């Protein structure tokens, strides 16, 4: 499904880019004359779907980053505890 949406997005963007940047008259509408509003609706829906998917993807990556941050903080605390224990043992061995 994601590949299908991505392919539609690539086709729409490339057609829009060609129509706007090509030297000469603009390309004809995809659905024929008088149906340009359908192209705008489809393009708007594609942008909306891509925006929603992008937002969901960003939410997934931030939660994974939170888990990693929590794990690293826990490791840091454990290392600090071990350092304190080592210092105590060194003090005990000096006397």
PDB file of N, CA and C in Angstrom:
ATOM      1  N   UNK A   1       0.824  -1.189   0.000  1.00  0.00           N
ATOM      2  CA  UNK A   1       0.000   0.000   0.000  1.00  0.00           C
ATOM      3  C   UNK A   1       0.872   1.257   0.000  1.00  0.00           C
ATOM      4  N   UNK A   2       1.937   1.224   0.825  1.00  0.00           N
ATOM      5  CA  UNK A   2       2.802   2.398   0.897  1.00  0.00           C
ATOM      6  C   UNK A   2       3.516   2.631  -0.427  1.00  0.00           C
ATOM      7  N   UNK A   3       3.915   1.539  -1.088  1.00  0.00           N
ATOM      8  CA  UNK A   3       4.594   1.678  -2.376  1.00  0.00           C
ATOM      9  C   UNK A   3       3.639   2.240  -3.428  1.00  0.00           C
ATOM     10  N   UNK A   4       2.370   1.833  -3.356  1.00  0.00           N
ATOM     11  CA  UNK A   4       1.371   2.324  -4.299  1.00  0.00           C
ATOM     12  C   UNK A   4       1.164   3.824  -4.113  1.00  0.00           C
ATOM     13  N   UNK A   5       1.022   4.249  -2.861  1.00  0.00           N
ATOM     14  CA  UNK A   5       0.828   5.671  -2.575  1.00  0.00           C
ATOM     15  C   UNK A   5       2.060   6.460  -2.996  1.00  0.00           C
ATOM     16  N   UNK A   6       3.230   5.906  -2.719  1.00  0.00           N
ATOM     17  CA  UNK A   6       4.465   6.585  -3.098  1.00  0.00           C
ATOM     18  C   UNK A   6       4.574   6.711  -4.612  1.00  0.00           C
ATOM     19  N   UNK A   7       4.180   5.668  -5.340  1.00  0.00           N
ATOM     20  CA  UNK A   7       4.255   5.741  -6.804  1.00  0.00           C
ATOM     21  C   UNK A   7       3.270   6.780  -7.345  1.00  0.00           C
ATOM     22  N   UNK A   8       2.077   6.850  -6.761  1.00  0.00           N
ATOM     23  CA  UNK A   8       1.108   7.864  -7.195  1.00  0.00           C
ATOM     24  C   UNK A   8       1.658   9.256  -6.917  1.00  0.00           C
ATOM     25  N   UNK A   9       2.245   9.429  -5.743  1.00  0.00           N
ATOM     26  CA  UNK A   9       2.805  10.725  -5.383  1.00  0.00           C
ATOM     27  C   UNK A   9       3.929  11.120  -6.338  1.00  0.00           C
ATOM     28  N   UNK A  10       4.777  10.181  -6.678  1.00  0.00           N
ATOM     29  CA  UNK A  10       5.886  10.471  -7.595  1.00  0.00           C
ATOM     30  C   UNK A  10       5.354  10.855  -8.969  1.00  0.00           C
ATOM     31  N   UNK A  11       4.338  10.141  -9.450  1.00  0.00           N
ATOM     32  CA  UNK A  11       3.763  10.452 -10.761  1.00  0.00           C
ATOM     33  C   UNK A  11       3.137  11.839 -10.751  1.00  0.00           C
ATOM     34  N   UNK A  12       2.361  12.156  -9.709  1.00  0.00           N
ATOM     35  CA  UNK A  12       1.708  13.459  -9.642  1.00  0.00           C
ATOM     36  C   UNK A  12       2.727  14.590  -9.549  1.00  0.00           C
ATOM     37  N   UNK A  13       3.741  14.401  -8.732  1.00  0.00           N
ATOM     38  CA  UNK A  13       4.756  15.450  -8.583  1.00  0.00           C
ATOM     39  C   UNK A  13       5.533  15.632  -9.878  1.00  0.00           C
ATOM     40  N   UNK A  14       5.869  14.529 -10.540  1.00  0.00           N
ATOM     41  CA  UNK A  14       6.619  14.658 -11.796  1.00  0.00           C
ATOM     42  C   UNK A  14       5.771  15.325 -12.875  1.00  0.00           C
ATOM     43  N   UNK A  15       4.496  14.991 -12.941  1.00  0.00           N
ATOM     44  CA  UNK A  15       3.620  15.632 -13.930  1.00  0.00           C
ATOM     45  C   UNK A  15       3.471  17.113 -13.619  1.00  0.00           C
ATOM     46  N   UNK A  16       3.303  17.432 -12.336  1.00  0.00           N
ATOM     47  CA  UNK A  16       3.180  18.837 -11.952  1.00  0.00           C
ATOM     48  C   UNK A  16       4.466  19.596 -12.253  1.00  0.00           C
ATOM     49  N   UNK A  17       5.610  18.971 -11.986  1.00  0.00           N
ATOM     50  CA  UNK A  17       6.891  19.624 -12.255  1.00  0.00           C
ATOM     51  C   UNK A  17       7.081  19.828 -13.756  1.00  0.00           C
ATOM     52  N   UNK A  18       6.730  18.820 -14.542  1.00  0.00           N
ATOM     53  CA  UNK A  18       6.868  18.951 -15.993  1.00  0.00           C
ATOM     54  C   UNK A  18       5.940  20.027 -16.536  1.00  0.00           C
ATOM     55  N   UNK A  19       4.741  20.093 -16.002  1.00  0.00           N
ATOM     56  CA  UNK A  19       3.787  21.081 -16.488  1.00  0.00           C
ATOM     57  C   UNK A  19       4.230  22.491 -16.118  1.00  0.00           C
ATOM     58  N   UNK A  20       4.883  22.648 -14.979  1.00  0.00           N
ATOM     59  CA  UNK A  20       5.288  23.975 -14.545  1.00  0.00           C
ATOM     60  C   UNK A  20       6.634  24.406 -15.084  1.00  0.00           C
ATOM     61  N   UNK A  21       7.508  23.476 -15.407  1.00  0.00           N
ATOM     62  CA  UNK A  21       8.886  23.819 -15.783  1.00  0.00           C
ATOM     63  C   UNK A  21       9.191  23.602 -17.259  1.00  0.00           C
ATOM     64  N   UNK A  22       8.300  22.983 -17.986  1.00  0.00           N
ATOM     65  CA  UNK A  22       8.583  22.666 -19.390  1.00  0.00           C
ATOM     66  C   UNK A  22       8.478  23.931 -20.235  1.00  0.00           C
ATOM     67  N   UNK A  23       9.422  24.130 -21.167  1.00  0.00           N
ATOM     68  CA  UNK A  23       9.288  25.277 -22.065  1.00  0.00           C
ATOM     69  C   UNK A  23       8.209  24.982 -23.105  1.00  0.00           C
ATOM     70  N   UNK A  24       7.204  25.754 -23.103  1.00  0.00           N
ATOM     71  CA  UNK A  24       6.121  25.537 -24.045  1.00  0.00           C
ATOM     72  C   UNK A  24       4.787  25.526 -23.330  1.00  0.00           C
ATOM     73  N   UNK A  25       3.754  25.123 -24.035  1.00  0.00           N
ATOM     74  CA  UNK A  25       2.432  25.126 -23.408  1.00  0.00           C
ATOM     75  C   UNK A  25       2.344  24.065 -22.309  1.00  0.00           C
ATOM     76  N   UNK A  26       1.460  24.264 -21.361  1.00  0.00           N
ATOM     77  CA  UNK A  26       1.329  23.283 -20.276  1.00  0.00           C
ATOM     78  C   UNK A  26       0.779  21.955 -20.784  1.00  0.00           C
ATOM     79  N   UNK A  27       1.068  20.910 -20.054  1.00  0.00           N
ATOM     80  CA  UNK A  27       0.572  19.587 -20.423  1.00  0.00           C
ATOM     81  C   UNK A  27      -0.946  19.532 -20.259  1.00  0.00           C
ATOM     82  N   UNK A  28      -1.611  18.673 -21.009  1.00  0.00           N
ATOM     83  CA  UNK A  28      -3.062  18.562 -20.862  1.00  0.00           C
ATOM     84  C   UNK A  28      -3.426  17.931 -19.516  1.00  0.00           C
ATOM     85  N   UNK A  29      -4.666  18.148 -19.116  1.00  0.00           N
ATOM     86  CA  UNK A  29      -5.147  17.570 -17.865  1.00  0.00           C
ATOM     87  C   UNK A  29      -5.160  16.054 -17.962  1.00  0.00           C
ATOM     88  N   UNK A  30      -4.992  15.400 -16.808  1.00  0.00           N
ATOM     89  CA  UNK A  30      -4.992  13.938 -16.795  1.00  0.00           C
ATOM     90  C   UNK A  30      -6.350  13.368 -17.170  1.00  0.00           C
ATOM     91  N   UNK A  31      -7.413  13.997 -16.689  1.00  0.00           N
ATOM     92  CA  UNK A  31      -8.759  13.471 -16.917  1.00  0.00           C
ATOM     93  C   UNK A  31      -9.494  14.209 -18.029  1.00  0.00           C
ATOM     94  N   UNK A  32      -8.788  14.937 -18.848  1.00  0.00           N
ATOM     95  CA  UNK A  32      -9.429  15.656 -19.939  1.00  0.00           C
ATOM     96  C   UNK A  32      -9.851  17.050 -19.504  1.00  0.00           C
ATOM     97  N   UNK A  33     -10.364  17.793 -20.453  1.00  0.00           N
ATOM     98  CA  UNK A  33     -10.777  19.163 -20.170  1.00  0.00           C
ATOM     99  C   UNK A  33     -11.950  19.230 -19.209  1.00  0.00           C
ATOM    100  N   UNK A  34     -11.958  20.228 -18.371  1.00  0.00           N
ATOM    101  CA  UNK A  34     -13.058  20.424 -17.435  1.00  0.00           C
ATOM    102  C   UNK A  34     -13.001  19.543 -16.206  1.00  0.00           C
ATOM    103  N   UNK A  35     -12.018  18.682 -16.108  1.00  0.00           N
ATOM    104  CA  UNK A  35     -11.927  17.771 -14.959  1.00  0.00           C
ATOM    105  C   UNK A  35     -10.721  18.108 -14.078  1.00  0.00           C
ATOM    106  N   UNK A  36     -10.210  19.313 -14.202  1.00  0.00           N
ATOM    107  CA  UNK A  36      -9.019  19.700 -13.446  1.00  0.00           C
ATOM    108  C   UNK A  36      -9.285  19.671 -11.943  1.00  0.00           C
ATOM    109  N   UNK A  37     -10.526  19.900 -11.537  1.00  0.00           N
ATOM    110  CA  UNK A  37     -10.839  19.877 -10.107  1.00  0.00           C
ATOM    111  C   UNK A  37     -10.602  18.486  -9.525  1.00  0.00           C
ATOM    112  N   UNK A  38     -10.808  17.424 -10.338  1.00  0.00           N
ATOM    113  CA  UNK A  38     -10.522  16.072  -9.851  1.00  0.00           C
ATOM    114  C   UNK A  38      -9.032  15.888  -9.588  1.00  0.00           C
ATOM    115  N   UNK A  39      -8.206  16.456 -10.453  1.00  0.00           N
ATOM    116  CA  UNK A  39      -6.764  16.375 -10.228  1.00  0.00           C
ATOM    117  C   UNK A  39      -6.388  17.072  -8.928  1.00  0.00           C
ATOM    118  N   UNK A  40      -6.989  18.222  -8.689  1.00  0.00           N
ATOM    119  CA  UNK A  40      -6.688  18.946  -7.453  1.00  0.00           C
ATOM    120  C   UNK A  40      -7.167  18.173  -6.229  1.00  0.00           C
ATOM    121  N   UNK A  41      -8.325  17.545  -6.328  1.00  0.00           N
ATOM    122  CA  UNK A  41      -8.839  16.747  -5.211  1.00  0.00           C
ATOM    123  C   UNK A  41      -7.925  15.554  -4.955  1.00  0.00           C
ATOM    124  N   UNK A  42      -7.527  14.864  -6.018  1.00  0.00           N
ATOM    125  CA  UNK A  42      -6.636  13.704  -5.862  1.00  0.00           C
ATOM    126  C   UNK A  42      -5.293  14.145  -5.291  1.00  0.00           C
ATOM    127  N   UNK A  43      -4.753  15.236  -5.802  1.00  0.00           N
ATOM    128  CA  UNK A  43      -3.481  15.742  -5.291  1.00  0.00           C
ATOM    129  C   UNK A  43      -3.612  16.133  -3.818  1.00  0.00           C
ATOM    130  N   UNK A  44      -4.721  16.759  -3.459  1.00  0.00           N
ATOM    131  CA  UNK A  44      -4.949  17.114  -2.056  1.00  0.00           C
ATOM    132  C   UNK A  44      -5.057  15.893  -1.165  1.00  0.00           C
ATOM    133  N   UNK A  45      -5.766  14.860  -1.646  1.00  0.00           N
ATOM    134  CA  UNK A  45      -5.876  13.628  -0.863  1.00  0.00           C
ATOM    135  C   UNK A  45      -4.523  12.943  -0.705  1.00  0.00           C
ATOM    136  N   UNK A  46      -3.729  12.961  -1.765  1.00  0.00           N
ATOM    137  CA  UNK A  46      -2.389  12.364  -1.679  1.00  0.00           C
ATOM    138  C   UNK A  46      -1.550  13.106  -0.645  1.00  0.00           C
ATOM    139  N   UNK A  47      -1.603  14.422  -0.684  1.00  0.00           N
ATOM    140  CA  UNK A  47      -0.842  15.211   0.295  1.00  0.00           C
ATOM    141  C   UNK A  47      -1.338  14.922   1.702  1.00  0.00           C
ATOM    142  N   UNK A  48      -2.640  14.797   1.884  1.00  0.00           N
ATOM    143  CA  UNK A  48      -3.212  14.503   3.195  1.00  0.00           C
ATOM    144  C   UNK A  48      -2.767  13.132   3.701  1.00  0.00           C
ATOM    145  N   UNK A  49      -2.845  12.123   2.842  1.00  0.00           N
ATOM    146  CA  UNK A  49      -2.451  10.766   3.243  1.00  0.00           C
ATOM    147  C   UNK A  49      -0.959  10.711   3.562  1.00  0.00           C
ATOM    148  N   UNK A  50      -0.149  11.342   2.727  1.00  0.00           N
ATOM    149  CA  UNK A  50       1.295  11.353   2.986  1.00  0.00           C
ATOM    150  C   UNK A  50       1.586  12.082   4.291  1.00  0.00           C
ATOM    151  N   UNK A  51       0.874  13.161   4.558  1.00  0.00           N
ATOM    152  CA  UNK A  51       1.054  13.881   5.820  1.00  0.00           C
ATOM    153  C   UNK A  51       0.700  13.030   7.019  1.00  0.00           C
ATOM    154  N   UNK A  52      -0.398  12.290   6.926  1.00  0.00           N
ATOM    155  CA  UNK A  52      -0.800  11.412   8.030  1.00  0.00           C
ATOM    156  C   UNK A  52       0.222  10.300   8.225  1.00  0.00           C
ATOM    157  N   UNK A  53       0.656   9.669   7.126  1.00  0.00           N
ATOM    158  CA  UNK A  53       1.665   8.613   7.240  1.00  0.00           C
ATOM    159  C   UNK A  53       2.973   9.156   7.804  1.00  0.00           C
ATOM    160  N   UNK A  54       3.348  10.354   7.386  1.00  0.00           N
ATOM    161  CA  UNK A  54       4.580  10.963   7.888  1.00  0.00           C
ATOM    162  C   UNK A  54       4.467  11.203   9.393  1.00  0.00           C
ATOM    163  N   UNK A  55       3.309  11.701   9.820  1.00  0.00           N
ATOM    164  CA  UNK A  55       3.102  11.978  11.246  1.00  0.00           C
ATOM    165  C   UNK A  55       3.151  10.684  12.055  1.00  0.00           C
ATOM    166  N   UNK A  56       2.527   9.627  11.555  1.00  0.00           N
ATOM    167  CA  UNK A  56       2.553   8.343  12.251  1.00  0.00           C
ATOM    168  C   UNK A  56       3.974   7.799  12.323  1.00  0.00           C
ATOM    169  N   UNK A  57       4.718   7.941  11.247  1.00  0.00           N
ATOM    170  CA  UNK A  57       6.097   7.450  11.227  1.00  0.00           C
ATOM    171  C   UNK A  57       6.947   8.215  12.231  1.00  0.00           C
ATOM    172  N   UNK A  58       6.751   9.523  12.306  1.00  0.00           N
ATOM    173  CA  UNK A  58       7.517  10.329  13.264  1.00  0.00           C
ATOM    174  C   UNK A  58       7.159   9.954  14.689  1.00  0.00           C
ATOM    175  N   UNK A  59       5.888   9.643  14.951  1.00  0.00           N
ATOM    176  CA  UNK A  59       5.491   9.231  16.296  1.00  0.00           C
ATOM    177  C   UNK A  59       6.141   7.908  16.668  1.00  0.00           C
ATOM    178  N   UNK A  60       6.241   6.989  15.715  1.00  0.00           N
ATOM    179  CA  UNK A  60       6.876   5.704  15.997  1.00  0.00           C
ATOM    180  C   UNK A  60       8.354   5.874  16.302  1.00  0.00           C
ATOM    181  N   UNK A  61       9.020   6.734  15.574  1.00  0.00           N
ATOM    182  CA  UNK A  61      10.453   6.906  15.799  1.00  0.00           C
ATOM    183  C   UNK A  61      10.730   7.614  17.113  1.00  0.00           C
ATOM    184  N   UNK A  62       9.861   8.526  17.538  1.00  0.00           N
ATOM    185  CA  UNK A  62      10.124   9.219  18.800  1.00  0.00           C
ATOM    186  C   UNK A  62       9.935   8.281  19.982  1.00  0.00           C
ATOM    187  N   UNK A  63       8.965   7.369  19.919  1.00  0.00           N
ATOM    188  CA  UNK A  63       8.795   6.444  21.037  1.00  0.00           C
ATOM    189  C   UNK A  63       9.982   5.501  21.133  1.00  0.00           C
ATOM    190  N   UNK A  64      10.517   5.071  20.002  1.00  0.00           N
ATOM    191  CA  UNK A  64      11.707   4.226  20.032  1.00  0.00           C
ATOM    192  C   UNK A  64      12.884   4.988  20.617  1.00  0.00           C
ATOM    193  N   UNK A  65      13.001   6.250  20.283  1.00  0.00           N
ATOM    194  CA  UNK A  65      14.085   7.061  20.824  1.00  0.00           C
ATOM    195  C   UNK A  65      13.915   7.219  22.331  1.00  0.00           C
ATOM    196  N   UNK A  66      12.676   7.328  22.807  1.00  0.00           N
ATOM    197  CA  UNK A  66      12.439   7.436  24.242  1.00  0.00           C
ATOM    198  C   UNK A  66      12.890   6.170  24.954  1.00  0.00           C
ATOM    199  N   UNK A  67      12.620   5.017  24.374  1.00  0.00           N
ATOM    200  CA  UNK A  67      13.061   3.764  24.985  1.00  0.00           C
ATOM    201  C   UNK A  67      14.585   3.705  25.046  1.00  0.00           C
ATOM    202  N   UNK A  68      15.227   4.141  23.989  1.00  0.00           N
ATOM    203  CA  UNK A  68      16.688   4.139  23.979  1.00  0.00           C
ATOM    204  C   UNK A  68      17.247   5.107  25.013  1.00  0.00           C
ATOM    205  N   UNK A  69      16.637   6.269  25.124  1.00  0.00           N
ATOM    206  CA  UNK A  69      17.094   7.248  26.108  1.00  0.00           C
ATOM    207  C   UNK A  69      16.926   6.710  27.516  1.00  0.00           C
ATOM    208  N   UNK A  70      15.782   6.089  27.782  1.00  0.00           N
ATOM    209  CA  UNK A  70      15.555   5.505  29.107  1.00  0.00           C
ATOM    210  C   UNK A  70      16.576   4.412  29.408  1.00  0.00           C
ATOM    211  N   UNK A  71      16.862   3.584  28.422  1.00  0.00           N
ATOM    212  CA  UNK A  71      17.834   2.504  28.629  1.00  0.00           C
ATOM    213  C   UNK A  71      19.229   3.067  28.891  1.00  0.00           C
ATOM    214  N   UNK A  72      19.613   4.090  28.145  1.00  0.00           N
ATOM    215  CA  UNK A  72      20.928   4.696  28.359  1.00  0.00           C
ATOM    216  C   UNK A  72      21.020   5.367  29.726  1.00  0.00           C
ATOM    217  N   UNK A  73      19.947   6.010  30.156  1.00  0.00           N
ATOM    218  CA  UNK A  73      19.946   6.622  31.489  1.00  0.00           C
ATOM    219  C   UNK A  73      20.067   5.560  32.577  1.00  0.00           C
ATOM    220  N   UNK A  74      19.399   4.445  32.399  1.00  0.00           N
ATOM    221  CA  UNK A  74      19.488   3.349  33.369  1.00  0.00           C
ATOM    222  C   UNK A  74      20.911   2.790  33.428  1.00  0.00           C
ATOM    223  N   UNK A  75      21.528   2.630  32.279  1.00  0.00           N
ATOM    224  CA  UNK A  75      22.916   2.143  32.237  1.00  0.00           C
ATOM    225  C   UNK A  75      23.840   3.132  32.942  1.00  0.00           C
ATOM    226  N   UNK A  76      23.617   4.412  32.714  1.00  0.00           N
ATOM    227  CA  UNK A  76      24.440   5.442  33.356  1.00  0.00           C
ATOM    228  C   UNK A  76      24.313   5.366  34.877  1.00  0.00           C
ATOM    229  N   UNK A  77      23.091   5.201  35.372  1.00  0.00           N
ATOM    230  CA  UNK A  77      22.883   5.094  36.819  1.00  0.00           C
ATOM    231  C   UNK A  77      23.580   3.860  37.384  1.00  0.00           C
ATOM    232  N   UNK A  78      23.495   2.755  36.679  1.00  0.00           N
ATOM    233  CA  UNK A  78      24.149   1.534  37.151  1.00  0.00           C
ATOM    234  C   UNK A  78      25.670   1.699  37.183  1.00  0.00           C
ATOM    235  N   UNK A  79      26.223   2.366  36.183  1.00  0.00           N
ATOM    236  CA  UNK A  79      27.671   2.600  36.150  1.00  0.00           C
ATOM    237  C   UNK A  79      28.086   3.494  37.315  1.00  0.00           C
ATOM    238  N   UNK A  80      27.291   4.510  37.601  1.00  0.00           N
ATOM    239  CA  UNK A  80      27.604   5.388  38.733  1.00  0.00           C
ATOM    240  C   UNK A  80      27.564   4.620  40.053  1.00  0.00           C
ATOM    241  N   UNK A  81      26.600   3.738  40.222  1.00  0.00           N
ATOM    242  CA  UNK A  81      26.530   2.920  41.435  1.00  0.00           C
ATOM    243  C   UNK A  81      27.758   2.019  41.549  1.00  0.00           C
ATOM    244  N   UNK A  82      28.154   1.425  40.429  1.00  0.00           N
ATOM    245  CA  UNK A  82      29.338   0.563  40.443  1.00  0.00           C
ATOM    246  C   UNK A  82      30.603   1.355  40.776  1.00  0.00           C
ATOM    247  N   UNK A  83      30.709   2.567  40.257  1.00  0.00           N
ATOM    248  CA  UNK A  83      31.869   3.402  40.575  1.00  0.00           C
ATOM    249  C   UNK A  83      31.929   3.710  42.069  1.00  0.00           C
ATOM    250  N   UNK A  84      30.782   3.990  42.671  1.00  0.00           N
ATOM    251  CA  UNK A  84      30.746   4.255  44.115  1.00  0.00           C
ATOM    252  C   UNK A  84      31.165   3.019  44.903  1.00  0.00           C
ATOM    253  N   UNK A  85      30.706   1.862  44.486  1.00  0.00           N
ATOM    254  CA  UNK A  85      31.090   0.619  45.173  1.00  0.00           C
ATOM    255  C   UNK A  85      32.589   0.361  45.048  1.00  0.00           C
ATOM    256  N   UNK A  86      33.137   0.639  43.866  1.00  0.00           N
ATOM    257  CA  UNK A  86      34.576   0.450  43.659  1.00  0.00           C
ATOM    258  C   UNK A  86      35.362   1.395  44.564  1.00  0.00           C
ATOM    259  N   UNK A  87      34.916   2.644  44.670  1.00  0.00           N
ATOM    260  CA  UNK A  87      35.588   3.602  45.550  1.00  0.00           C
ATOM    261  C   UNK A  87      35.547   3.137  47.003  1.00  0.00           C
ATOM    262  N   UNK A  88      34.403   2.619  47.443  1.00  0.00           N
ATOM    263  CA  UNK A  88      34.286   2.115  48.817  1.00  0.00           C
ATOM    264  C   UNK A  88      35.239   0.945  49.043  1.00  0.00           C
ATOM    265  N   UNK A  89      35.307   0.041  48.084  1.00  0.00           N
ATOM    266  CA  UNK A  89      36.209  -1.106  48.216  1.00  0.00           C
ATOM    267  C   UNK A  89      37.674  -0.669  48.235  1.00  0.00           C
ATOM    268  N   UNK A  90      38.019   0.329  47.429  1.00  0.00           N
ATOM    269  CA  UNK A  90      39.390   0.835  47.429  1.00  0.00           C
ATOM    270  C   UNK A  90      39.744   1.467  48.772  1.00  0.00           C
ATOM    271  N   UNK A  91      38.799   2.204  49.359  1.00  0.00           N
ATOM    272  CA  UNK A  91      39.032   2.814  50.669  1.00  0.00           C
ATOM    273  C   UNK A  91      39.208   1.745  51.743  1.00  0.00           C
ATOM    274  N   UNK A  92      38.426   0.686  51.648  1.00  0.00           N
ATOM    275  CA  UNK A  92      38.526  -0.396  52.637  1.00  0.00           C
ATOM    276  C   UNK A  92      39.865  -1.123  52.508  1.00  0.00           C
ATOM    277  N   UNK A  93      40.366  -1.280  51.313  1.00  0.00           N
ATOM    278  CA  UNK A  93      41.625  -1.995  51.096  1.00  0.00           C
ATOM    279  C   UNK A  93      42.840  -1.162  51.502  1.00  0.00           C
ATOM    280  N   UNK A  94      42.722   0.153  51.540  1.00  0.00           N
ATOM    281  CA  UNK A  94      43.844   1.011  51.921  1.00  0.00           C
ATOM    282  C   UNK A  94      44.153   0.891  53.405  1.00  0.00           C
ATOM    283  N   UNK A  95      43.147   0.652  54.219  1.00  0.00           N
ATOM    284  CA  UNK A  95      43.367   0.589  55.670  1.00  0.00           C
ATOM    285  C   UNK A  95      43.714  -0.779  56.089  1.00  0.00           C
TER     286      UNK A  95
END
